[in-house]
Amino acid sequence: MLVTFKTVSQVTFRMDVNEKQSIGELKKKISIEQGENDYPVENLKLIYNGKVLDDEQILEDVKVDPAKFVVVMVSRKKPLTAAVATASSETTGMRSEPSQAEGPIHTTAETTTTTTASSILSTGSTARALTLTPEQEQTVEAIIAMGYSRDKVIRALRASFFNGDRAVEYLCSSIPDEEDLGLESETIDSTENSSVTSQTLEFLRQIPQFEHLREIIQSDPSVLPQVIEQIAQSNPSLMEAIQNNQEEFINLLNAPAVLSAAGQADSRSEEGLNRNYFGIEITRSEQDAINRLKAMGFPEQLVIEAYFSCDKNEDLAVNYILQRMEEAADELNAALDNSESGGQ
């Protein structure tokens, strides 16, 4: 039978398969015919009608509709630290020189979130009103086409801050509770909730990992509505504290990067990686590559950093970005947990 397969990145291919094959055997066939480097067997997940297929299942039992398609998801690998480090050292202080055939394009990233934050915080209902951009709506529809309900897709995308690949991973495993996303209500002990609204937000400054969340917002202020919405729904008391201290919250978001109290600089900073790419001249082909990465839902500054840090290798850049975001989420959650336990 002829089966249509589609990847998360919308790459489509068809294969003639044996209905008596198991899903595990089908994965091997995909890996061999489509390329083991791009489709390693151990990293493949096949999804049909919103369900991850087990290796032991027989394709015939899945009853694939010829008019539909099977989703192929390739789990992300952790990037090789050495490769990223080498690329970082090679691009230290780098300024891209455009060729004569390709005119330079100046790209800038707006990092001031004052206006955005003020407008969002000025109304309590804004946090709950999720307005999708055309690009976000396109991502929603693409994932719905994989067999998931719109409600679940929206939840997964919100949990992943509209990172399409991460949202699909959540749908394939489990969507994390909103309290697991970083600013959970348990961060502030329930016995202190009555006084939190009268306190300042100074405690956020005591969490070094808050810097990572701030960096993401600074590099792409458009994610701020999703962040505010998460806080409003998972921790109303903290949201009220933010609304009562809007100026302080805005100052926190706009504050420059600082080192932790222990003096531990980010390893990428130690390698001399220039994080400020504002005003850099890039060629049209480089701009196209950056736009492709941004279309995946990544913040512009982080995309530019990753792209040049990985010597303009888009695949390495994606892995670099995902690792950065995973590290930021893990470290922030751990720090908030420590903050909670230390205050009890």
C-alpha atoms as a PDB file:
ATOM      1  CA  MET A   1       0.000   0.000   0.000  1.00  0.00           C
ATOM      2  CA  LEU A   2       1.111   3.567  -0.674  1.00  0.00           C
ATOM      3  CA  VAL A   3       1.379   5.698   2.475  1.00  0.00           C
ATOM      4  CA  THR A   4       2.007   9.432   2.689  1.00  0.00           C
ATOM      5  CA  PHE A   5       4.363  10.664   5.396  1.00  0.00           C
ATOM      6  CA  LYS A   6       4.841  14.232   6.564  1.00  0.00           C
ATOM      7  CA  THR A   7       7.425  15.635   8.976  1.00  0.00           C
ATOM      8  CA  VAL A   8       6.856  18.382  11.527  1.00  0.00           C
ATOM      9  CA  SER A   9       8.711  20.730   9.187  1.00  0.00           C
ATOM     10  CA  GLN A  10       6.187  19.907   6.418  1.00  0.00           C
ATOM     11  CA  VAL A  11       8.507  17.684   4.346  1.00  0.00           C
ATOM     12  CA  THR A  12       6.284  15.174   2.533  1.00  0.00           C
ATOM     13  CA  PHE A  13       7.213  11.843   0.980  1.00  0.00           C
ATOM     14  CA  ARG A  14       5.417   8.640  -0.052  1.00  0.00           C
ATOM     15  CA  MET A  15       6.463   5.045   0.386  1.00  0.00           C
ATOM     16  CA  ASP A  16       5.143   1.694  -0.780  1.00  0.00           C
ATOM     17  CA  VAL A  17       4.890  -0.364   2.406  1.00  0.00           C
ATOM     18  CA  ASN A  18       3.819  -3.847   3.422  1.00  0.00           C
ATOM     19  CA  GLU A  19       0.687  -3.825   5.577  1.00  0.00           C
ATOM     20  CA  LYS A  20       2.015  -6.819   7.503  1.00  0.00           C
ATOM     21  CA  GLN A  21       5.041  -4.843   8.681  1.00  0.00           C
ATOM     22  CA  SER A  22       5.341  -3.725  12.275  1.00  0.00           C
ATOM     23  CA  ILE A  23       5.801  -0.046  13.063  1.00  0.00           C
ATOM     24  CA  GLY A  24       9.342  -0.823  14.180  1.00  0.00           C
ATOM     25  CA  GLU A  25      10.102  -2.356  10.793  1.00  0.00           C
ATOM     26  CA  LEU A  26       8.497   0.609   9.073  1.00  0.00           C
ATOM     27  CA  LYS A  27      10.796   2.970  10.984  1.00  0.00           C
ATOM     28  CA  LYS A  28      13.807   1.030   9.732  1.00  0.00           C
ATOM     29  CA  LYS A  29      12.479   1.246   6.172  1.00  0.00           C
ATOM     30  CA  ILE A  30      12.034   5.015   6.493  1.00  0.00           C
ATOM     31  CA  SER A  31      15.541   5.398   7.876  1.00  0.00           C
ATOM     32  CA  ILE A  32      17.091   3.362   5.066  1.00  0.00           C
ATOM     33  CA  GLU A  33      15.160   4.925   2.191  1.00  0.00           C
ATOM     34  CA  GLN A  34      15.095   8.522   3.428  1.00  0.00           C
ATOM     35  CA  GLY A  35      18.586   8.586   4.922  1.00  0.00           C
ATOM     36  CA  GLU A  36      19.890   7.340   8.253  1.00  0.00           C
ATOM     37  CA  ASN A  37      21.468  10.698   9.052  1.00  0.00           C
ATOM     38  CA  ASP A  38      18.210  12.607   8.712  1.00  0.00           C
ATOM     39  CA  TYR A  39      15.975   9.817  10.022  1.00  0.00           C
ATOM     40  CA  PRO A  40      17.875   7.769  12.635  1.00  0.00           C
ATOM     41  CA  VAL A  41      15.710   4.826  13.718  1.00  0.00           C
ATOM     42  CA  GLU A  42      16.227   5.374  17.433  1.00  0.00           C
ATOM     43  CA  ASN A  43      14.952   8.961  17.167  1.00  0.00           C
ATOM     44  CA  LEU A  44      11.863   8.316  15.041  1.00  0.00           C
ATOM     45  CA  LYS A  45       8.279   8.589  16.237  1.00  0.00           C
ATOM     46  CA  LEU A  46       5.332   7.836  13.968  1.00  0.00           C
ATOM     47  CA  ILE A  47       2.033   9.542  14.747  1.00  0.00           C
ATOM     48  CA  TYR A  48      -1.362   8.831  13.225  1.00  0.00           C
ATOM     49  CA  ASN A  49      -4.635  10.464  14.224  1.00  0.00           C
ATOM     50  CA  GLY A  50      -2.898  12.138  17.140  1.00  0.00           C
ATOM     51  CA  LYS A  51      -1.518   8.914  18.624  1.00  0.00           C
ATOM     52  CA  VAL A  52       2.084   7.746  18.802  1.00  0.00           C
ATOM     53  CA  LEU A  53       2.352   4.307  17.207  1.00  0.00           C
ATOM     54  CA  ASP A  54       4.115   1.568  19.177  1.00  0.00           C
ATOM     55  CA  ASP A  55       6.896  -0.413  17.523  1.00  0.00           C
ATOM     56  CA  GLU A  56       4.968  -3.657  18.088  1.00  0.00           C
ATOM     57  CA  GLN A  57       1.838  -2.493  16.270  1.00  0.00           C
ATOM     58  CA  ILE A  58       1.137  -3.919  12.820  1.00  0.00           C
ATOM     59  CA  LEU A  59       0.494  -1.342  10.126  1.00  0.00           C
ATOM     60  CA  GLU A  60      -2.592  -3.227   8.956  1.00  0.00           C
ATOM     61  CA  ASP A  61      -4.162  -2.797  12.406  1.00  0.00           C
ATOM     62  CA  VAL A  62      -3.578   0.952  12.353  1.00  0.00           C
ATOM     63  CA  LYS A  63      -5.942   1.227   9.369  1.00  0.00           C
ATOM     64  CA  VAL A  64      -4.232   4.168   7.700  1.00  0.00           C
ATOM     65  CA  ASP A  65      -6.600   6.138   5.484  1.00  0.00           C
ATOM     66  CA  PRO A  66      -4.943   6.685   2.058  1.00  0.00           C
ATOM     67  CA  ALA A  67      -6.346  10.217   2.061  1.00  0.00           C
ATOM     68  CA  LYS A  68      -4.518  11.039   5.296  1.00  0.00           C
ATOM     69  CA  PHE A  69      -0.861  10.973   6.271  1.00  0.00           C
ATOM     70  CA  VAL A  70       1.397   9.600   8.978  1.00  0.00           C
ATOM     71  CA  VAL A  71       3.443  12.165  10.872  1.00  0.00           C
ATOM     72  CA  VAL A  72       7.162  11.455  11.180  1.00  0.00           C
ATOM     73  CA  MET A  73       8.806  13.183  14.113  1.00  0.00           C
ATOM     74  CA  VAL A  74      12.555  13.100  14.587  1.00  0.00           C
ATOM     75  CA  SER A  75      13.411  13.715  18.229  1.00  0.00           C
ATOM     76  CA  ARG A  76      16.014  16.380  18.668  1.00  0.00           C
ATOM     77  CA  LYS A  77      19.505  15.314  19.621  1.00  0.00           C
ATOM     78  CA  LYS A  78      21.632  17.218  22.079  1.00  0.00           C
ATOM     79  CA  PRO A  79      24.192  19.203  20.075  1.00  0.00           C
ATOM     80  CA  LEU A  80      27.836  18.307  20.439  1.00  0.00           C
ATOM     81  CA  THR A  81      29.343  20.747  22.915  1.00  0.00           C
ATOM     82  CA  ALA A  82      32.700  20.606  21.179  1.00  0.00           C
ATOM     83  CA  ALA A  83      31.182  21.473  17.829  1.00  0.00           C
ATOM     84  CA  VAL A  84      29.313  24.456  19.212  1.00  0.00           C
ATOM     85  CA  ALA A  85      32.345  25.601  21.185  1.00  0.00           C
ATOM     86  CA  THR A  86      34.510  25.420  18.071  1.00  0.00           C
ATOM     87  CA  ALA A  87      31.967  27.332  16.047  1.00  0.00           C
ATOM     88  CA  SER A  88      31.677  29.932  18.809  1.00  0.00           C
ATOM     89  CA  SER A  89      35.438  30.487  18.989  1.00  0.00           C
ATOM     90  CA  GLU A  90      35.701  30.760  15.238  1.00  0.00           C
ATOM     91  CA  THR A  91      32.978  33.397  15.065  1.00  0.00           C
ATOM     92  CA  THR A  92      34.144  35.535  17.988  1.00  0.00           C
ATOM     93  CA  GLY A  93      33.926  39.155  16.997  1.00  0.00           C
ATOM     94  CA  MET A  94      32.795  38.078  13.568  1.00  0.00           C
ATOM     95  CA  ARG A  95      31.254  40.512  11.143  1.00  0.00           C
ATOM     96  CA  SER A  96      29.700  38.953   8.076  1.00  0.00           C
ATOM     97  CA  GLU A  97      31.002  40.428   4.822  1.00  0.00           C
ATOM     98  CA  PRO A  98      28.318  40.529   2.113  1.00  0.00           C
ATOM     99  CA  SER A  99      29.341  39.599  -1.410  1.00  0.00           C
ATOM    100  CA  GLN A 100      28.990  42.068  -4.238  1.00  0.00           C
ATOM    101  CA  ALA A 101      26.156  40.006  -5.708  1.00  0.00           C
ATOM    102  CA  GLU A 102      24.230  40.064  -2.489  1.00  0.00           C
ATOM    103  CA  GLY A 103      23.388  43.442  -1.072  1.00  0.00           C
ATOM    104  CA  PRO A 104      23.620  43.901   2.705  1.00  0.00           C
ATOM    105  CA  ILE A 105      20.507  43.870   4.790  1.00  0.00           C
ATOM    106  CA  HIS A 106      20.466  45.568   8.162  1.00  0.00           C
ATOM    107  CA  THR A 107      18.593  43.598  10.764  1.00  0.00           C
ATOM    108  CA  THR A 108      17.623  45.020  14.119  1.00  0.00           C
ATOM    109  CA  ALA A 109      15.858  43.543  17.105  1.00  0.00           C
ATOM    110  CA  GLU A 110      13.695  45.638  19.369  1.00  0.00           C
ATOM    111  CA  THR A 111      14.599  44.758  22.932  1.00  0.00           C
ATOM    112  CA  THR A 112      12.695  47.407  24.815  1.00  0.00           C
ATOM    113  CA  THR A 113       9.569  45.826  26.239  1.00  0.00           C
ATOM    114  CA  THR A 114       8.286  48.857  28.113  1.00  0.00           C
ATOM    115  CA  THR A 115       5.387  49.667  25.800  1.00  0.00           C
ATOM    116  CA  THR A 116       4.425  46.040  25.284  1.00  0.00           C
ATOM    117  CA  ALA A 117       4.521  45.177  28.963  1.00  0.00           C
ATOM    118  CA  SER A 118       2.604  48.285  29.965  1.00  0.00           C
ATOM    119  CA  SER A 119      -0.190  47.630  27.494  1.00  0.00           C
ATOM    120  CA  ILE A 120      -0.496  43.994  28.553  1.00  0.00           C
ATOM    121  CA  LEU A 121      -0.423  44.682  32.268  1.00  0.00           C
ATOM    122  CA  SER A 122      -2.856  47.585  32.045  1.00  0.00           C
ATOM    123  CA  THR A 123      -5.805  45.201  31.763  1.00  0.00           C
ATOM    124  CA  GLY A 124      -6.346  42.065  33.767  1.00  0.00           C
ATOM    125  CA  SER A 125      -8.308  40.367  31.011  1.00  0.00           C
ATOM    126  CA  THR A 126      -5.638  40.745  28.354  1.00  0.00           C
ATOM    127  CA  ALA A 127      -3.623  37.930  29.847  1.00  0.00           C
ATOM    128  CA  ARG A 128      -6.454  35.507  29.245  1.00  0.00           C
ATOM    129  CA  ALA A 129      -7.307  36.672  25.730  1.00  0.00           C
ATOM    130  CA  LEU A 130      -5.084  34.666  23.424  1.00  0.00           C
ATOM    131  CA  THR A 131      -4.859  36.417  20.071  1.00  0.00           C
ATOM    132  CA  LEU A 132      -2.940  34.474  17.472  1.00  0.00           C
ATOM    133  CA  THR A 133      -0.767  35.990  14.789  1.00  0.00           C
ATOM    134  CA  PRO A 134      -1.178  34.628  11.248  1.00  0.00           C
ATOM    135  CA  GLU A 135       2.045  32.635  11.696  1.00  0.00           C
ATOM    136  CA  GLN A 136       0.827  31.168  14.991  1.00  0.00           C
ATOM    137  CA  GLU A 137      -2.542  30.274  13.465  1.00  0.00           C
ATOM    138  CA  GLN A 138      -0.720  28.518  10.634  1.00  0.00           C
ATOM    139  CA  THR A 139       1.243  26.505  13.194  1.00  0.00           C
ATOM    140  CA  VAL A 140      -1.988  25.605  14.990  1.00  0.00           C
ATOM    141  CA  GLU A 141      -3.627  24.389  11.793  1.00  0.00           C
ATOM    142  CA  ALA A 142      -0.553  22.362  10.797  1.00  0.00           C
ATOM    143  CA  ILE A 143      -0.563  20.484  14.102  1.00  0.00           C
ATOM    144  CA  ILE A 144      -4.351  20.015  14.068  1.00  0.00           C
ATOM    145  CA  ALA A 145      -3.863  18.297  10.703  1.00  0.00           C
ATOM    146  CA  MET A 146      -1.848  15.656  12.544  1.00  0.00           C
ATOM    147  CA  GLY A 147      -5.012  14.533  14.320  1.00  0.00           C
ATOM    148  CA  TYR A 148      -5.097  16.604  17.516  1.00  0.00           C
ATOM    149  CA  SER A 149      -7.961  18.729  18.763  1.00  0.00           C
ATOM    150  CA  ARG A 150      -7.592  22.495  18.600  1.00  0.00           C
ATOM    151  CA  ASP A 151      -7.917  22.802  22.374  1.00  0.00           C
ATOM    152  CA  LYS A 152      -5.011  20.408  22.973  1.00  0.00           C
ATOM    153  CA  VAL A 153      -2.915  22.059  20.287  1.00  0.00           C
ATOM    154  CA  ILE A 154      -3.435  25.500  21.822  1.00  0.00           C
ATOM    155  CA  ARG A 155      -2.530  24.159  25.271  1.00  0.00           C
ATOM    156  CA  ALA A 156       0.625  22.528  23.946  1.00  0.00           C
ATOM    157  CA  LEU A 157       1.649  25.621  22.020  1.00  0.00           C
ATOM    158  CA  ARG A 158       1.080  27.842  25.026  1.00  0.00           C
ATOM    159  CA  ALA A 159       3.139  25.488  27.163  1.00  0.00           C
ATOM    160  CA  SER A 160       5.944  25.643  24.576  1.00  0.00           C
ATOM    161  CA  PHE A 161       5.582  29.401  23.991  1.00  0.00           C
ATOM    162  CA  PHE A 162       4.505  28.586  20.432  1.00  0.00           C
ATOM    163  CA  ASN A 163       7.494  26.440  19.573  1.00  0.00           C
ATOM    164  CA  GLY A 164       5.890  24.048  17.082  1.00  0.00           C
ATOM    165  CA  ASP A 165       8.389  21.205  17.473  1.00  0.00           C
ATOM    166  CA  ARG A 166       8.244  21.356  21.263  1.00  0.00           C
ATOM    167  CA  ALA A 167       4.429  21.471  21.177  1.00  0.00           C
ATOM    168  CA  VAL A 168       4.305  18.267  19.123  1.00  0.00           C
ATOM    169  CA  GLU A 169       6.669  16.611  21.594  1.00  0.00           C
ATOM    170  CA  TYR A 170       4.327  17.641  24.419  1.00  0.00           C
ATOM    171  CA  LEU A 171       1.363  16.193  22.537  1.00  0.00           C
ATOM    172  CA  CYS A 172       3.239  12.937  21.963  1.00  0.00           C
ATOM    173  CA  SER A 173       4.178  12.593  25.622  1.00  0.00           C
ATOM    174  CA  SER A 174       2.252  14.855  27.950  1.00  0.00           C
ATOM    175  CA  ILE A 175       1.554  18.554  28.139  1.00  0.00           C
ATOM    176  CA  PRO A 176       3.228  19.930  31.272  1.00  0.00           C
ATOM    177  CA  ASP A 177       1.013  21.535  33.863  1.00  0.00           C
ATOM    178  CA  GLU A 178       1.277  25.277  33.834  1.00  0.00           C
ATOM    179  CA  GLU A 179       2.848  25.231  37.267  1.00  0.00           C
ATOM    180  CA  ASP A 180       5.719  23.245  35.746  1.00  0.00           C
ATOM    181  CA  LEU A 181       6.568  25.987  33.275  1.00  0.00           C
ATOM    182  CA  GLY A 182       8.587  28.127  35.608  1.00  0.00           C
ATOM    183  CA  LEU A 183       6.454  30.563  37.586  1.00  0.00           C
ATOM    184  CA  GLU A 184       4.267  28.148  39.515  1.00  0.00           C
ATOM    185  CA  SER A 185       2.090  29.194  42.413  1.00  0.00           C
ATOM    186  CA  GLU A 186       4.054  26.981  44.777  1.00  0.00           C
ATOM    187  CA  THR A 187       7.021  29.291  44.289  1.00  0.00           C
ATOM    188  CA  ILE A 188       5.388  31.546  46.820  1.00  0.00           C
ATOM    189  CA  ASP A 189       4.229  29.625  49.856  1.00  0.00           C
ATOM    190  CA  SER A 190       0.480  29.602  50.273  1.00  0.00           C
ATOM    191  CA  THR A 191       0.841  31.072  53.739  1.00  0.00           C
ATOM    192  CA  GLU A 192       2.512  34.116  52.210  1.00  0.00           C
ATOM    193  CA  ASN A 193      -0.017  34.700  49.437  1.00  0.00           C
ATOM    194  CA  SER A 194      -1.898  37.241  51.491  1.00  0.00           C
ATOM    195  CA  SER A 195       1.157  39.488  51.659  1.00  0.00           C
ATOM    196  CA  VAL A 196       2.690  38.909  48.248  1.00  0.00           C
ATOM    197  CA  THR A 197       0.636  41.625  46.586  1.00  0.00           C
ATOM    198  CA  SER A 198       2.123  44.212  48.910  1.00  0.00           C
ATOM    199  CA  GLN A 199       5.679  43.045  48.313  1.00  0.00           C
ATOM    200  CA  THR A 200       8.036  44.112  45.573  1.00  0.00           C
ATOM    201  CA  LEU A 201       9.381  41.730  42.966  1.00  0.00           C
ATOM    202  CA  GLU A 202      12.845  41.765  44.480  1.00  0.00           C
ATOM    203  CA  PHE A 203      12.757  37.987  44.969  1.00  0.00           C
ATOM    204  CA  LEU A 204      12.949  37.526  41.190  1.00  0.00           C
ATOM    205  CA  ARG A 205      16.306  39.275  41.224  1.00  0.00           C
ATOM    206  CA  GLN A 206      17.566  36.627  43.622  1.00  0.00           C
ATOM    207  CA  ILE A 207      16.997  33.902  41.023  1.00  0.00           C
ATOM    208  CA  PRO A 208      19.920  33.931  38.556  1.00  0.00           C
ATOM    209  CA  GLN A 209      18.014  31.716  36.114  1.00  0.00           C
ATOM    210  CA  PHE A 210      15.375  34.429  35.722  1.00  0.00           C
ATOM    211  CA  GLU A 211      17.961  36.000  33.438  1.00  0.00           C
ATOM    212  CA  HIS A 212      17.278  33.347  30.788  1.00  0.00           C
ATOM    213  CA  LEU A 213      13.562  34.079  30.722  1.00  0.00           C
ATOM    214  CA  ARG A 214      14.299  37.800  30.585  1.00  0.00           C
ATOM    215  CA  GLU A 215      16.708  37.248  27.699  1.00  0.00           C
ATOM    216  CA  ILE A 216      14.051  35.422  25.699  1.00  0.00           C
ATOM    217  CA  ILE A 217      11.536  38.221  26.283  1.00  0.00           C
ATOM    218  CA  GLN A 218      14.088  40.918  25.458  1.00  0.00           C
ATOM    219  CA  SER A 219      15.044  39.209  22.220  1.00  0.00           C
ATOM    220  CA  ASP A 220      11.423  38.685  21.185  1.00  0.00           C
ATOM    221  CA  PRO A 221       8.878  40.860  23.049  1.00  0.00           C
ATOM    222  CA  SER A 222       6.068  39.155  21.119  1.00  0.00           C
ATOM    223  CA  VAL A 223       6.249  36.175  23.521  1.00  0.00           C
ATOM    224  CA  LEU A 224       5.405  38.421  26.471  1.00  0.00           C
ATOM    225  CA  PRO A 225       1.615  37.958  26.163  1.00  0.00           C
ATOM    226  CA  GLN A 226       2.047  34.196  26.485  1.00  0.00           C
ATOM    227  CA  VAL A 227       4.320  34.633  29.516  1.00  0.00           C
ATOM    228  CA  ILE A 228       1.861  36.993  31.182  1.00  0.00           C
ATOM    229  CA  GLU A 229      -1.017  34.630  30.434  1.00  0.00           C
ATOM    230  CA  GLN A 230       0.839  31.710  32.009  1.00  0.00           C
ATOM    231  CA  ILE A 231       1.484  33.739  35.153  1.00  0.00           C
ATOM    232  CA  ALA A 232      -2.109  34.966  35.355  1.00  0.00           C
ATOM    233  CA  GLN A 233      -3.554  31.466  35.149  1.00  0.00           C
ATOM    234  CA  SER A 234      -1.030  29.570  37.251  1.00  0.00           C
ATOM    235  CA  ASN A 235      -0.309  32.170  39.922  1.00  0.00           C
ATOM    236  CA  PRO A 236      -2.945  34.916  40.332  1.00  0.00           C
ATOM    237  CA  SER A 237      -1.193  36.257  43.434  1.00  0.00           C
ATOM    238  CA  LEU A 238       2.056  36.776  41.573  1.00  0.00           C
ATOM    239  CA  MET A 239       0.137  38.331  38.691  1.00  0.00           C
ATOM    240  CA  GLU A 240      -1.464  40.770  41.116  1.00  0.00           C
ATOM    241  CA  ALA A 241       1.954  41.595  42.542  1.00  0.00           C
ATOM    242  CA  ILE A 242       3.231  42.286  39.034  1.00  0.00           C
ATOM    243  CA  GLN A 243       0.249  44.519  38.274  1.00  0.00           C
ATOM    244  CA  ASN A 244       0.834  46.399  41.524  1.00  0.00           C
ATOM    245  CA  ASN A 245       4.506  46.829  40.667  1.00  0.00           C
ATOM    246  CA  GLN A 246       4.371  47.346  36.924  1.00  0.00           C
ATOM    247  CA  GLU A 247       7.272  49.758  36.756  1.00  0.00           C
ATOM    248  CA  GLU A 248       9.527  47.407  38.707  1.00  0.00           C
ATOM    249  CA  PHE A 249       8.490  44.462  36.534  1.00  0.00           C
ATOM    250  CA  ILE A 250       9.225  46.426  33.360  1.00  0.00           C
ATOM    251  CA  ASN A 251      12.593  47.461  34.763  1.00  0.00           C
ATOM    252  CA  LEU A 252      13.341  43.818  35.544  1.00  0.00           C
ATOM    253  CA  LEU A 253      12.551  42.813  31.975  1.00  0.00           C
ATOM    254  CA  ASN A 254      14.669  45.614  30.526  1.00  0.00           C
ATOM    255  CA  ALA A 255      17.594  45.158  32.922  1.00  0.00           C
ATOM    256  CA  PRO A 256      20.936  44.280  31.285  1.00  0.00           C
ATOM    257  CA  ALA A 257      22.445  40.838  31.695  1.00  0.00           C
ATOM    258  CA  VAL A 258      24.314  40.259  34.945  1.00  0.00           C
ATOM    259  CA  LEU A 259      26.438  37.463  36.346  1.00  0.00           C
ATOM    260  CA  SER A 260      25.225  35.298  39.197  1.00  0.00           C
ATOM    261  CA  ALA A 261      26.288  35.996  42.765  1.00  0.00           C
ATOM    262  CA  ALA A 262      28.791  33.179  42.486  1.00  0.00           C
ATOM    263  CA  GLY A 263      30.391  34.937  39.555  1.00  0.00           C
ATOM    264  CA  GLN A 264      29.622  32.132  37.140  1.00  0.00           C
ATOM    265  CA  ALA A 265      29.455  33.525  33.643  1.00  0.00           C
ATOM    266  CA  ASP A 266      27.713  31.659  30.908  1.00  0.00           C
ATOM    267  CA  SER A 267      30.204  29.389  29.149  1.00  0.00           C
ATOM    268  CA  ARG A 268      29.308  30.995  25.858  1.00  0.00           C
ATOM    269  CA  SER A 269      30.258  34.410  27.251  1.00  0.00           C
ATOM    270  CA  GLU A 270      33.563  32.987  28.464  1.00  0.00           C
ATOM    271  CA  GLU A 271      34.284  31.890  24.928  1.00  0.00           C
ATOM    272  CA  GLY A 272      33.905  35.459  23.800  1.00  0.00           C
ATOM    273  CA  LEU A 273      30.573  34.997  22.079  1.00  0.00           C
ATOM    274  CA  ASN A 274      29.103  38.349  21.117  1.00  0.00           C
ATOM    275  CA  ARG A 275      25.399  38.274  21.989  1.00  0.00           C
ATOM    276  CA  ASN A 276      24.663  41.708  20.579  1.00  0.00           C
ATOM    277  CA  TYR A 277      24.163  41.317  16.857  1.00  0.00           C
ATOM    278  CA  PHE A 278      22.106  44.473  16.452  1.00  0.00           C
ATOM    279  CA  GLY A 279      23.041  46.341  13.292  1.00  0.00           C
ATOM    280  CA  ILE A 280      25.104  43.506  11.808  1.00  0.00           C
ATOM    281  CA  GLU A 281      25.215  43.450   8.012  1.00  0.00           C
ATOM    282  CA  ILE A 282      24.106  40.142   6.575  1.00  0.00           C
ATOM    283  CA  THR A 283      23.574  38.875   3.052  1.00  0.00           C
ATOM    284  CA  ARG A 284      20.243  37.950   1.568  1.00  0.00           C
ATOM    285  CA  SER A 285      20.980  34.229   1.738  1.00  0.00           C
ATOM    286  CA  GLU A 286      21.867  34.603   5.427  1.00  0.00           C
ATOM    287  CA  GLN A 287      18.660  36.565   5.996  1.00  0.00           C
ATOM    288  CA  ASP A 288      16.679  33.773   4.339  1.00  0.00           C
ATOM    289  CA  ALA A 289      18.283  31.215   6.658  1.00  0.00           C
ATOM    290  CA  ILE A 290      17.536  33.384   9.691  1.00  0.00           C
ATOM    291  CA  ASN A 291      13.933  33.797   8.557  1.00  0.00           C
ATOM    292  CA  ARG A 292      13.557  30.031   8.226  1.00  0.00           C
ATOM    293  CA  LEU A 293      14.741  29.595  11.807  1.00  0.00           C
ATOM    294  CA  LYS A 294      12.473  32.391  13.041  1.00  0.00           C
ATOM    295  CA  ALA A 295       9.532  30.737  11.279  1.00  0.00           C
ATOM    296  CA  MET A 296       9.957  27.813  13.679  1.00  0.00           C
ATOM    297  CA  GLY A 297       8.938  30.154  16.491  1.00  0.00           C
ATOM    298  CA  PHE A 298      12.359  31.056  17.886  1.00  0.00           C
ATOM    299  CA  PRO A 299      13.226  34.597  19.104  1.00  0.00           C
ATOM    300  CA  GLU A 300      15.194  36.649  16.570  1.00  0.00           C
ATOM    301  CA  GLN A 301      18.186  37.479  18.777  1.00  0.00           C
ATOM    302  CA  LEU A 302      18.579  33.855  19.827  1.00  0.00           C
ATOM    303  CA  VAL A 303      18.301  32.764  16.188  1.00  0.00           C
ATOM    304  CA  ILE A 304      21.021  35.179  15.091  1.00  0.00           C
ATOM    305  CA  GLU A 305      23.248  34.136  17.976  1.00  0.00           C
ATOM    306  CA  ALA A 306      22.790  30.447  17.205  1.00  0.00           C
ATOM    307  CA  TYR A 307      23.165  30.855  13.446  1.00  0.00           C
ATOM    308  CA  PHE A 308      26.516  32.611  13.607  1.00  0.00           C
ATOM    309  CA  SER A 309      27.742  30.643  16.625  1.00  0.00           C
ATOM    310  CA  CYS A 310      27.213  27.420  14.675  1.00  0.00           C
ATOM    311  CA  ASP A 311      29.093  28.712  11.631  1.00  0.00           C
ATOM    312  CA  LYS A 312      25.854  29.284   9.685  1.00  0.00           C
ATOM    313  CA  ASN A 313      24.829  25.629   9.973  1.00  0.00           C
ATOM    314  CA  GLU A 314      21.035  25.679  10.309  1.00  0.00           C
ATOM    315  CA  ASP A 315      20.726  22.176  11.762  1.00  0.00           C
ATOM    316  CA  LEU A 316      23.304  22.884  14.459  1.00  0.00           C
ATOM    317  CA  ALA A 317      21.618  26.224  15.113  1.00  0.00           C
ATOM    318  CA  VAL A 318      18.267  24.538  15.799  1.00  0.00           C
ATOM    319  CA  ASN A 319      19.876  22.123  18.248  1.00  0.00           C
ATOM    320  CA  TYR A 320      21.754  25.007  19.871  1.00  0.00           C
ATOM    321  CA  ILE A 321      18.532  26.983  20.347  1.00  0.00           C
ATOM    322  CA  LEU A 322      16.601  24.015  21.727  1.00  0.00           C
ATOM    323  CA  GLN A 323      19.368  23.250  24.195  1.00  0.00           C
ATOM    324  CA  ARG A 324      19.459  26.869  25.352  1.00  0.00           C
ATOM    325  CA  MET A 325      15.688  26.932  25.889  1.00  0.00           C
ATOM    326  CA  GLU A 326      15.676  23.555  27.660  1.00  0.00           C
ATOM    327  CA  GLU A 327      18.501  24.654  29.947  1.00  0.00           C
ATOM    328  CA  ALA A 328      16.712  27.914  30.724  1.00  0.00           C
ATOM    329  CA  ALA A 329      13.465  26.149  31.634  1.00  0.00           C
ATOM    330  CA  ASP A 330      15.182  23.471  33.733  1.00  0.00           C
ATOM    331  CA  GLU A 331      17.371  25.930  35.600  1.00  0.00           C
ATOM    332  CA  LEU A 332      14.520  28.346  36.264  1.00  0.00           C
ATOM    333  CA  ASN A 333      12.284  25.585  37.612  1.00  0.00           C
ATOM    334  CA  ALA A 334      15.086  24.269  39.822  1.00  0.00           C
ATOM    335  CA  ALA A 335      15.873  27.718  41.133  1.00  0.00           C
ATOM    336  CA  LEU A 336      12.242  28.451  41.916  1.00  0.00           C
ATOM    337  CA  ASP A 337      11.951  25.117  43.731  1.00  0.00           C
ATOM    338  CA  ASN A 338      15.031  25.977  45.776  1.00  0.00           C
ATOM    339  CA  SER A 339      13.612  29.411  46.501  1.00  0.00           C
ATOM    340  CA  GLU A 340      10.391  27.839  47.752  1.00  0.00           C
ATOM    341  CA  SER A 341      12.115  25.284  49.974  1.00  0.00           C
ATOM    342  CA  GLY A 342      14.494  27.887  51.338  1.00  0.00           C
ATOM    343  CA  GLY A 343      11.657  30.129  52.383  1.00  0.00           C
ATOM    344  CA  GLN A 344       9.830  27.457  54.342  1.00  0.00           C
END
